[in-house]
N, C-alpha and C. Protein backbone atom coordinates (compact mmCIF):
# COMPACT_ATOMS: atom_id res chain seq x y z
N MET A 1 96.88 121.59 125.22
CA MET A 1 97.72 121.90 124.06
C MET A 1 99.15 122.18 124.49
N SER A 2 99.33 122.92 125.58
CA SER A 2 100.68 123.25 126.01
C SER A 2 101.42 122.01 126.51
N THR A 3 100.69 121.04 127.07
CA THR A 3 101.33 119.81 127.52
C THR A 3 101.87 119.04 126.32
N LYS A 4 101.08 118.98 125.25
CA LYS A 4 101.50 118.29 124.04
C LYS A 4 102.73 118.97 123.44
N SER A 5 102.71 120.30 123.34
CA SER A 5 103.85 121.00 122.77
C SER A 5 105.05 120.91 123.70
N ASN A 6 104.79 120.84 125.01
CA ASN A 6 105.88 120.68 125.96
C ASN A 6 106.54 119.31 125.79
N LEU A 7 105.73 118.27 125.58
CA LEU A 7 106.28 116.93 125.36
C LEU A 7 107.09 116.88 124.07
N LEU A 8 106.57 117.50 123.00
CA LEU A 8 107.31 117.53 121.74
C LEU A 8 108.61 118.33 121.88
N SER A 9 108.55 119.40 122.66
CA SER A 9 109.74 120.21 122.90
C SER A 9 110.78 119.41 123.70
N GLN A 10 110.31 118.67 124.69
CA GLN A 10 111.23 117.82 125.48
C GLN A 10 111.84 116.73 124.61
N LEU A 11 111.03 116.13 123.73
CA LEU A 11 111.54 115.11 122.83
C LEU A 11 112.61 115.70 121.92
N GLU A 12 112.34 116.88 121.38
CA GLU A 12 113.33 117.54 120.51
C GLU A 12 114.61 117.83 121.27
N ASP A 13 114.49 118.33 122.51
CA ASP A 13 115.68 118.61 123.31
C ASP A 13 116.47 117.34 123.61
N ASN A 14 115.76 116.26 123.95
CA ASN A 14 116.45 115.00 124.25
C ASN A 14 117.12 114.42 123.01
N LEU A 15 116.45 114.48 121.88
CA LEU A 15 117.06 114.01 120.64
C LEU A 15 118.26 114.89 120.26
N GLY A 16 118.13 116.20 120.50
CA GLY A 16 119.24 117.11 120.24
C GLY A 16 120.46 116.74 121.07
N ARG A 17 120.24 116.46 122.35
CA ARG A 17 121.36 116.04 123.21
C ARG A 17 121.97 114.74 122.70
N LEU A 18 121.12 113.81 122.31
CA LEU A 18 121.61 112.52 121.82
C LEU A 18 122.43 112.69 120.55
N PHE A 19 121.89 113.39 119.56
CA PHE A 19 122.53 113.46 118.26
C PHE A 19 123.64 114.50 118.17
N ILE A 20 123.71 115.41 119.12
CA ILE A 20 124.75 116.44 119.05
C ILE A 20 125.82 116.24 120.13
N LYS A 21 125.41 115.95 121.35
CA LYS A 21 126.38 115.87 122.45
C LYS A 21 126.83 114.45 122.76
N THR A 22 125.96 113.46 122.63
CA THR A 22 126.29 112.10 123.01
C THR A 22 127.10 111.38 121.94
N ILE A 23 126.72 111.54 120.69
CA ILE A 23 127.43 110.87 119.60
C ILE A 23 128.75 111.59 119.37
N PRO A 24 129.85 110.84 119.40
CA PRO A 24 131.17 111.50 119.34
C PRO A 24 131.50 112.14 117.99
N TYR A 25 130.98 111.60 116.89
CA TYR A 25 131.33 112.15 115.58
C TYR A 25 130.37 113.27 115.21
N GLN A 26 130.92 114.40 114.88
CA GLN A 26 130.14 115.55 114.42
C GLN A 26 130.52 115.82 112.97
N ILE A 27 129.54 116.15 112.18
CA ILE A 27 129.80 116.48 110.78
C ILE A 27 130.62 117.77 110.74
N PRO A 28 131.74 117.78 110.01
CA PRO A 28 132.56 119.00 109.93
C PRO A 28 131.76 120.19 109.38
N ASP A 29 132.14 121.39 109.80
CA ASP A 29 131.40 122.60 109.43
C ASP A 29 131.30 122.81 107.93
N ASN A 30 132.38 122.52 107.19
CA ASN A 30 132.32 122.75 105.74
C ASN A 30 131.33 121.79 105.07
N TYR A 31 131.20 120.56 105.59
CA TYR A 31 130.21 119.62 105.06
C TYR A 31 128.79 120.03 105.46
N ARG A 32 128.67 120.55 106.68
CA ARG A 32 127.35 121.03 107.11
C ARG A 32 126.87 122.15 106.20
N ALA A 33 127.76 123.09 105.92
CA ALA A 33 127.39 124.21 105.04
C ALA A 33 127.00 123.72 103.65
N LEU A 34 127.71 122.71 103.16
CA LEU A 34 127.40 122.15 101.85
C LEU A 34 126.03 121.46 101.86
N ILE A 35 125.75 120.71 102.92
CA ILE A 35 124.45 120.04 103.04
C ILE A 35 123.33 121.07 103.11
N VAL A 36 123.53 122.12 103.91
CA VAL A 36 122.51 123.16 104.06
C VAL A 36 122.25 123.85 102.72
N LYS A 37 123.29 124.02 101.94
CA LYS A 37 123.14 124.68 100.63
C LYS A 37 122.24 123.86 99.71
N TYR A 38 122.38 122.56 99.72
CA TYR A 38 121.62 121.70 98.80
C TYR A 38 120.42 121.02 99.44
N LEU A 39 120.19 121.20 100.74
CA LEU A 39 119.09 120.53 101.42
C LEU A 39 117.71 120.85 100.85
N PRO A 40 117.43 122.10 100.45
CA PRO A 40 116.10 122.35 99.86
C PRO A 40 115.85 121.49 98.62
N TYR A 41 116.88 121.31 97.79
CA TYR A 41 116.73 120.52 96.57
C TYR A 41 116.64 119.03 96.89
N LEU A 42 117.36 118.61 97.94
CA LEU A 42 117.25 117.22 98.38
C LEU A 42 115.85 116.93 98.93
N ALA A 43 115.25 117.91 99.59
CA ALA A 43 113.90 117.74 100.11
C ALA A 43 112.91 117.58 98.96
N VAL A 44 113.05 118.38 97.92
CA VAL A 44 112.17 118.26 96.75
C VAL A 44 112.39 116.90 96.07
N ALA A 45 113.66 116.50 95.95
CA ALA A 45 113.94 115.18 95.35
C ALA A 45 113.29 114.08 96.19
N GLY A 46 113.35 114.20 97.51
CA GLY A 46 112.69 113.23 98.38
C GLY A 46 111.18 113.22 98.17
N GLY A 47 110.60 114.39 97.96
CA GLY A 47 109.17 114.47 97.68
C GLY A 47 108.82 113.80 96.37
N ILE A 48 109.66 114.00 95.37
CA ILE A 48 109.41 113.38 94.06
C ILE A 48 109.53 111.87 94.16
N VAL A 49 110.55 111.38 94.87
CA VAL A 49 110.71 109.94 95.06
C VAL A 49 109.50 109.37 95.81
N SER A 50 109.00 110.11 96.79
CA SER A 50 107.80 109.67 97.53
C SER A 50 106.59 109.56 96.61
N VAL A 51 106.45 110.52 95.70
CA VAL A 51 105.33 110.48 94.76
C VAL A 51 105.43 109.25 93.86
N PHE A 52 106.65 108.95 93.35
CA PHE A 52 106.82 107.76 92.52
C PHE A 52 106.57 106.49 93.34
N GLY A 53 107.02 106.47 94.59
CA GLY A 53 106.74 105.33 95.47
C GLY A 53 105.26 105.18 95.72
N LEU A 54 104.61 106.31 95.87
CA LEU A 54 103.16 106.31 96.09
C LEU A 54 102.44 105.71 94.88
N LEU A 55 102.86 106.09 93.69
CA LEU A 55 102.25 105.54 92.47
C LEU A 55 102.50 104.03 92.36
N ALA A 56 103.70 103.59 92.72
CA ALA A 56 104.01 102.15 92.67
C ALA A 56 103.17 101.39 93.70
N LEU A 57 103.02 101.95 94.89
CA LEU A 57 102.20 101.29 95.90
C LEU A 57 100.73 101.26 95.49
N TYR A 58 100.27 102.31 94.83
CA TYR A 58 98.90 102.33 94.34
C TYR A 58 98.67 101.20 93.33
N ARG A 59 99.63 101.05 92.44
CA ARG A 59 99.54 99.98 91.44
C ARG A 59 99.53 98.62 92.13
N GLU A 60 100.40 98.44 93.13
CA GLU A 60 100.44 97.18 93.88
C GLU A 60 99.11 96.91 94.57
N THR A 61 98.53 97.94 95.15
CA THR A 61 97.25 97.78 95.84
C THR A 61 96.15 97.38 94.86
N MET A 62 96.15 97.96 93.68
CA MET A 62 95.15 97.59 92.69
C MET A 62 95.33 96.14 92.25
N LEU A 63 96.58 95.70 92.11
CA LEU A 63 96.84 94.30 91.75
C LEU A 63 96.37 93.36 92.85
N ILE A 64 96.63 93.73 94.10
CA ILE A 64 96.19 92.90 95.23
C ILE A 64 94.67 92.85 95.30
N ASN A 65 94.03 93.99 95.07
CA ASN A 65 92.56 94.00 95.08
C ASN A 65 91.99 93.13 93.97
N THR A 66 92.63 93.15 92.80
CA THR A 66 92.19 92.29 91.70
C THR A 66 92.38 90.82 92.07
N ALA A 67 93.53 90.50 92.64
CA ALA A 67 93.78 89.12 93.08
C ALA A 67 92.76 88.69 94.13
N GLN A 68 92.40 89.64 95.01
CA GLN A 68 91.40 89.34 96.04
C GLN A 68 90.06 89.01 95.39
N GLN A 69 89.66 89.76 94.40
CA GLN A 69 88.37 89.53 93.75
C GLN A 69 88.35 88.16 93.05
N VAL A 70 89.44 87.82 92.37
CA VAL A 70 89.53 86.51 91.71
C VAL A 70 89.51 85.41 92.76
N SER A 71 90.26 85.59 93.82
CA SER A 71 90.31 84.61 94.90
C SER A 71 88.95 84.44 95.57
N ASP A 72 88.25 85.53 95.76
CA ASP A 72 86.91 85.45 96.37
C ASP A 72 85.95 84.66 95.49
N LEU A 73 86.11 84.79 94.18
CA LEU A 73 85.23 84.03 93.27
C LEU A 73 85.55 82.54 93.30
N LEU A 74 86.85 82.22 93.29
CA LEU A 74 87.26 80.82 93.22
C LEU A 74 87.22 80.12 94.59
N TYR A 75 87.75 80.82 95.59
CA TYR A 75 87.85 80.26 96.94
C TYR A 75 87.40 81.33 97.93
N PRO A 76 86.14 81.37 98.28
CA PRO A 76 85.58 82.47 99.06
C PRO A 76 86.29 82.77 100.39
N TYR A 77 86.92 81.80 101.01
CA TYR A 77 87.53 82.05 102.32
C TYR A 77 89.06 82.08 102.26
N ALA A 78 89.62 82.02 101.08
CA ALA A 78 91.08 81.93 100.95
C ALA A 78 91.79 83.27 101.02
N TYR A 79 91.08 84.37 100.79
CA TYR A 79 91.76 85.67 100.70
C TYR A 79 92.57 85.98 101.95
N ARG A 80 92.00 85.85 103.10
CA ARG A 80 92.70 86.20 104.33
C ARG A 80 93.94 85.34 104.52
N GLN A 81 93.86 84.09 104.10
CA GLN A 81 95.02 83.22 104.24
C GLN A 81 96.10 83.59 103.23
N MET A 82 95.71 83.97 102.03
CA MET A 82 96.68 84.28 100.99
C MET A 82 97.30 85.67 101.16
N PHE A 83 96.47 86.67 101.44
CA PHE A 83 96.95 88.05 101.42
C PHE A 83 96.94 88.73 102.77
N GLY A 84 96.19 88.24 103.72
CA GLY A 84 96.09 88.87 105.02
C GLY A 84 95.59 90.30 104.88
N ASP A 85 96.20 91.20 105.60
CA ASP A 85 95.81 92.61 105.56
C ASP A 85 96.79 93.43 104.73
N VAL A 86 97.36 92.80 103.69
CA VAL A 86 98.35 93.49 102.87
C VAL A 86 97.76 94.73 102.22
N ALA A 87 96.55 94.62 101.72
CA ALA A 87 95.94 95.76 101.03
C ALA A 87 95.76 96.93 102.00
N LEU A 88 95.26 96.65 103.19
CA LEU A 88 95.07 97.72 104.18
C LEU A 88 96.41 98.32 104.59
N ALA A 89 97.42 97.48 104.80
CA ALA A 89 98.75 97.96 105.17
C ALA A 89 99.32 98.85 104.06
N THR A 90 99.04 98.49 102.83
CA THR A 90 99.53 99.29 101.70
C THR A 90 98.85 100.64 101.65
N TRP A 91 97.54 100.69 101.94
CA TRP A 91 96.83 101.97 101.98
C TRP A 91 97.40 102.87 103.07
N VAL A 92 97.72 102.29 104.22
CA VAL A 92 98.32 103.08 105.32
C VAL A 92 99.69 103.59 104.88
N ALA A 93 100.48 102.74 104.24
CA ALA A 93 101.80 103.16 103.75
C ALA A 93 101.66 104.30 102.74
N MET A 94 100.66 104.20 101.87
CA MET A 94 100.45 105.27 100.89
C MET A 94 100.07 106.58 101.57
N ALA A 95 99.26 106.51 102.62
CA ALA A 95 98.89 107.74 103.34
C ALA A 95 100.11 108.38 103.98
N VAL A 96 100.97 107.56 104.57
CA VAL A 96 102.19 108.09 105.19
C VAL A 96 103.10 108.69 104.13
N MET A 97 103.27 108.00 103.00
CA MET A 97 104.10 108.53 101.92
C MET A 97 103.55 109.84 101.37
N PHE A 98 102.23 109.92 101.26
CA PHE A 98 101.61 111.15 100.77
C PHE A 98 101.91 112.31 101.71
N VAL A 99 101.76 112.09 103.01
CA VAL A 99 102.04 113.15 104.00
C VAL A 99 103.52 113.53 103.94
N GLN A 100 104.41 112.55 103.83
CA GLN A 100 105.83 112.87 103.77
C GLN A 100 106.19 113.61 102.48
N ALA A 101 105.55 113.29 101.37
CA ALA A 101 105.79 114.02 100.13
C ALA A 101 105.35 115.47 100.28
N ILE A 102 104.18 115.69 100.86
CA ILE A 102 103.69 117.06 101.07
C ILE A 102 104.65 117.83 101.98
N ILE A 103 105.10 117.19 103.06
CA ILE A 103 106.03 117.83 103.99
C ILE A 103 107.32 118.20 103.26
N SER A 104 107.82 117.30 102.43
CA SER A 104 109.06 117.57 101.69
C SER A 104 108.92 118.77 100.76
N PHE A 105 107.79 118.83 100.05
CA PHE A 105 107.57 119.96 99.14
C PHE A 105 107.38 121.26 99.93
N MET A 106 106.67 121.18 101.06
CA MET A 106 106.45 122.37 101.89
C MET A 106 107.75 122.90 102.49
N ALA A 107 108.73 122.01 102.70
CA ALA A 107 109.98 122.41 103.35
C ALA A 107 110.91 123.19 102.41
N PHE A 108 110.69 123.13 101.11
CA PHE A 108 111.63 123.74 100.17
C PHE A 108 111.87 125.22 100.46
N SER A 109 110.82 126.01 100.46
CA SER A 109 110.99 127.46 100.61
C SER A 109 111.60 127.84 101.97
N PRO A 110 111.09 127.31 103.09
CA PRO A 110 111.72 127.66 104.37
C PRO A 110 113.17 127.18 104.48
N LEU A 111 113.48 126.03 103.89
CA LEU A 111 114.87 125.56 103.92
C LEU A 111 115.76 126.48 103.11
N LYS A 112 115.27 126.92 101.96
CA LYS A 112 116.05 127.81 101.10
C LYS A 112 116.33 129.15 101.81
N LYS A 113 115.35 129.62 102.60
CA LYS A 113 115.51 130.87 103.35
C LYS A 113 116.14 130.66 104.71
N ARG A 114 116.49 129.42 105.02
CA ARG A 114 117.06 129.03 106.32
C ARG A 114 116.16 129.42 107.49
N GLN A 115 114.89 129.21 107.32
CA GLN A 115 113.93 129.47 108.37
C GLN A 115 113.76 128.22 109.24
N PRO A 116 113.52 128.40 110.54
CA PRO A 116 113.35 127.25 111.44
C PRO A 116 112.21 126.32 111.01
N LEU A 117 111.18 126.83 110.34
CA LEU A 117 110.08 126.00 109.90
C LEU A 117 110.55 124.89 108.97
N GLY A 118 111.50 125.18 108.10
CA GLY A 118 112.02 124.17 107.18
C GLY A 118 112.65 123.02 107.95
N TRP A 119 113.45 123.35 108.96
CA TRP A 119 114.07 122.31 109.79
C TRP A 119 113.00 121.51 110.53
N LYS A 120 112.00 122.21 111.09
CA LYS A 120 110.93 121.55 111.83
C LYS A 120 110.17 120.57 110.94
N LEU A 121 109.91 120.96 109.70
CA LEU A 121 109.19 120.07 108.79
C LEU A 121 109.97 118.78 108.55
N LEU A 122 111.27 118.89 108.36
CA LEU A 122 112.09 117.69 108.18
C LEU A 122 112.11 116.85 109.46
N TYR A 123 112.15 117.51 110.60
CA TYR A 123 112.12 116.82 111.89
C TYR A 123 110.80 116.05 112.05
N TRP A 124 109.69 116.68 111.73
CA TRP A 124 108.39 116.01 111.83
C TRP A 124 108.30 114.84 110.86
N SER A 125 108.87 114.99 109.69
CA SER A 125 108.88 113.89 108.73
C SER A 125 109.67 112.71 109.29
N GLY A 126 110.78 112.99 109.95
CA GLY A 126 111.56 111.93 110.59
C GLY A 126 110.79 111.24 111.70
N LEU A 127 110.08 112.02 112.50
CA LEU A 127 109.26 111.43 113.56
C LEU A 127 108.13 110.59 112.98
N LEU A 128 107.57 111.05 111.87
CA LEU A 128 106.52 110.28 111.20
C LEU A 128 107.06 108.93 110.73
N SER A 129 108.29 108.91 110.24
CA SER A 129 108.91 107.65 109.81
C SER A 129 109.06 106.69 110.98
N VAL A 130 109.50 107.21 112.12
CA VAL A 130 109.65 106.37 113.31
C VAL A 130 108.29 105.84 113.75
N ALA A 131 107.28 106.70 113.77
CA ALA A 131 105.94 106.27 114.20
C ALA A 131 105.38 105.22 113.25
N TYR A 132 105.54 105.41 111.95
CA TYR A 132 105.05 104.43 110.99
C TYR A 132 105.79 103.10 111.15
N SER A 133 107.09 103.15 111.40
CA SER A 133 107.86 101.92 111.61
C SER A 133 107.34 101.15 112.82
N LEU A 134 107.01 101.87 113.87
CA LEU A 134 106.48 101.23 115.07
C LEU A 134 105.11 100.61 114.80
N ILE A 135 104.27 101.34 114.09
CA ILE A 135 102.94 100.81 113.73
C ILE A 135 103.10 99.56 112.87
N ASN A 136 104.02 99.61 111.92
CA ASN A 136 104.26 98.47 111.04
C ASN A 136 104.78 97.27 111.83
N LEU A 137 105.62 97.51 112.83
CA LEU A 137 106.13 96.43 113.67
C LEU A 137 104.99 95.76 114.42
N ILE A 138 104.13 96.56 115.02
CA ILE A 138 103.01 96.02 115.80
C ILE A 138 102.02 95.29 114.88
N TRP A 139 101.76 95.89 113.74
CA TRP A 139 100.73 95.37 112.83
C TRP A 139 101.18 94.09 112.14
N ARG A 140 102.37 94.14 111.56
CA ARG A 140 102.82 93.02 110.73
C ARG A 140 103.94 92.21 111.36
N PHE A 141 104.45 92.66 112.47
CA PHE A 141 105.57 92.04 113.18
C PHE A 141 106.73 91.72 112.24
N ASP A 142 107.10 92.74 111.48
CA ASP A 142 108.22 92.62 110.55
C ASP A 142 109.43 93.29 111.20
N VAL A 143 110.17 92.50 111.98
CA VAL A 143 111.26 93.04 112.78
C VAL A 143 112.38 93.58 111.91
N SER A 144 112.73 92.89 110.83
CA SER A 144 113.83 93.36 109.98
C SER A 144 113.50 94.70 109.33
N ALA A 145 112.25 94.86 108.87
CA ALA A 145 111.85 96.15 108.29
C ALA A 145 111.87 97.24 109.35
N TYR A 146 111.47 96.90 110.57
CA TYR A 146 111.48 97.86 111.67
C TYR A 146 112.90 98.32 111.97
N ILE A 147 113.82 97.38 112.05
CA ILE A 147 115.22 97.74 112.34
C ILE A 147 115.79 98.59 111.22
N GLY A 148 115.53 98.22 109.97
CA GLY A 148 116.00 99.01 108.84
C GLY A 148 115.42 100.41 108.83
N SER A 149 114.13 100.51 109.13
CA SER A 149 113.48 101.83 109.18
C SER A 149 114.05 102.67 110.31
N LEU A 150 114.30 102.06 111.45
CA LEU A 150 114.87 102.82 112.57
C LEU A 150 116.28 103.31 112.25
N ILE A 151 117.07 102.48 111.60
CA ILE A 151 118.42 102.90 111.23
C ILE A 151 118.34 104.08 110.26
N ALA A 152 117.48 103.98 109.25
CA ALA A 152 117.33 105.07 108.28
C ALA A 152 116.83 106.34 108.95
N ALA A 153 115.85 106.21 109.85
CA ALA A 153 115.32 107.39 110.56
C ALA A 153 116.39 107.99 111.48
N ASP A 154 117.17 107.14 112.13
CA ASP A 154 118.24 107.65 113.00
C ASP A 154 119.28 108.42 112.22
N VAL A 155 119.66 107.90 111.07
CA VAL A 155 120.64 108.60 110.24
C VAL A 155 120.07 109.94 109.78
N GLY A 156 118.81 109.94 109.34
CA GLY A 156 118.18 111.19 108.91
C GLY A 156 118.07 112.20 110.04
N LEU A 157 117.63 111.74 111.21
CA LEU A 157 117.52 112.65 112.35
C LEU A 157 118.89 113.15 112.80
N TYR A 158 119.89 112.28 112.76
CA TYR A 158 121.25 112.70 113.11
C TYR A 158 121.70 113.85 112.21
N VAL A 159 121.48 113.70 110.91
CA VAL A 159 121.92 114.74 109.97
C VAL A 159 121.15 116.04 110.22
N ILE A 160 119.83 115.98 110.37
CA ILE A 160 119.11 117.24 110.53
C ILE A 160 119.41 117.90 111.88
N PHE A 161 119.69 117.11 112.92
CA PHE A 161 120.07 117.73 114.17
C PHE A 161 121.47 118.35 114.09
N GLN A 162 122.33 117.79 113.26
CA GLN A 162 123.64 118.40 113.04
C GLN A 162 123.51 119.76 112.34
N LEU A 163 122.40 119.96 111.63
CA LEU A 163 122.20 121.19 110.87
C LEU A 163 121.29 122.19 111.58
N ARG A 164 120.78 121.84 112.74
CA ARG A 164 119.76 122.67 113.41
C ARG A 164 120.22 124.10 113.66
N ASP A 165 121.48 124.31 113.98
CA ASP A 165 121.95 125.67 114.26
C ASP A 165 121.86 126.60 113.05
N TYR A 166 121.86 126.06 111.87
CA TYR A 166 121.73 126.88 110.66
C TYR A 166 120.31 127.42 110.48
N TYR A 167 119.37 126.85 111.22
CA TYR A 167 117.96 127.22 111.05
C TYR A 167 117.36 127.83 112.31
N ARG A 168 118.17 128.41 113.14
CA ARG A 168 117.69 129.06 114.36
C ARG A 168 117.25 130.49 114.04
N GLU A 169 116.30 130.99 114.86
CA GLU A 169 115.90 132.39 114.74
C GLU A 169 117.08 133.25 115.17
N PRO A 170 117.31 134.37 114.50
CA PRO A 170 118.38 135.26 114.92
C PRO A 170 118.10 135.81 116.32
N ALA A 171 119.17 136.10 117.06
CA ALA A 171 119.03 136.61 118.42
C ALA A 171 118.27 137.92 118.44
N SER A 172 118.58 138.81 117.50
CA SER A 172 117.87 140.09 117.41
C SER A 172 117.28 140.17 116.01
N SER A 173 115.96 140.27 115.94
CA SER A 173 115.31 140.30 114.62
C SER A 173 115.31 141.69 114.00
N ALA A 174 115.71 142.71 114.75
CA ALA A 174 115.74 144.08 114.21
C ALA A 174 116.89 144.22 113.22
N GLY A 175 116.55 144.29 111.95
CA GLY A 175 117.55 144.50 110.92
C GLY A 175 118.33 143.25 110.55
N ALA A 176 117.93 142.09 111.06
CA ALA A 176 118.65 140.85 110.78
C ALA A 176 118.01 140.13 109.59
N THR A 177 118.85 139.43 108.85
CA THR A 177 118.36 138.60 107.75
C THR A 177 118.14 137.19 108.29
N PRO A 178 117.50 136.30 107.53
CA PRO A 178 117.27 134.93 108.01
C PRO A 178 118.54 134.19 108.38
N SER A 179 119.68 134.56 107.80
CA SER A 179 120.93 133.88 108.13
C SER A 179 121.58 134.48 109.38
N GLY A 180 120.98 135.50 109.94
CA GLY A 180 121.49 136.10 111.17
C GLY A 180 122.44 137.26 110.91
N LYS A 181 122.72 137.61 109.64
CA LYS A 181 123.62 138.72 109.33
C LYS A 181 122.83 139.99 109.19
N LYS A 182 123.42 141.09 109.61
CA LYS A 182 122.79 142.40 109.49
C LYS A 182 123.20 143.09 108.22
């Protein structure tokens, strides 16, 4: 267990160096404060968008399953040629969207209180996006979708790493508030 957490900690440190020290442009402090102020609401909005996406993907999966049934009746061996593993890929996408929606909703309260858990939840959601993109690349070999997903994940991770200092534990917890003020 400690090896796994050590690897995740090293990954976080390396990404922190990349997104904070290596990239020359840093988000100005006044914009960071503005983003931090509205980030809990943006996380909820992201969760809501994920739920609507999930419903749309569910509808698509039901349509594909219906098409598969009709195809199986008319041409018993044509389904794999026509649809491949689209239905299975859609179910995997729905599972990932469901987890990301739950993470987004769970992040609201800790983000509002500026607790490190809120930042960590957004970080894990970003890592989940990267992992799903990689799985999708291997599974469907959709290079353009992979590149687009990586760009989106990089932008998201860049922003949350720019905000990480707002969600650190205070140096002294005796009498300190979540924002670090006494």
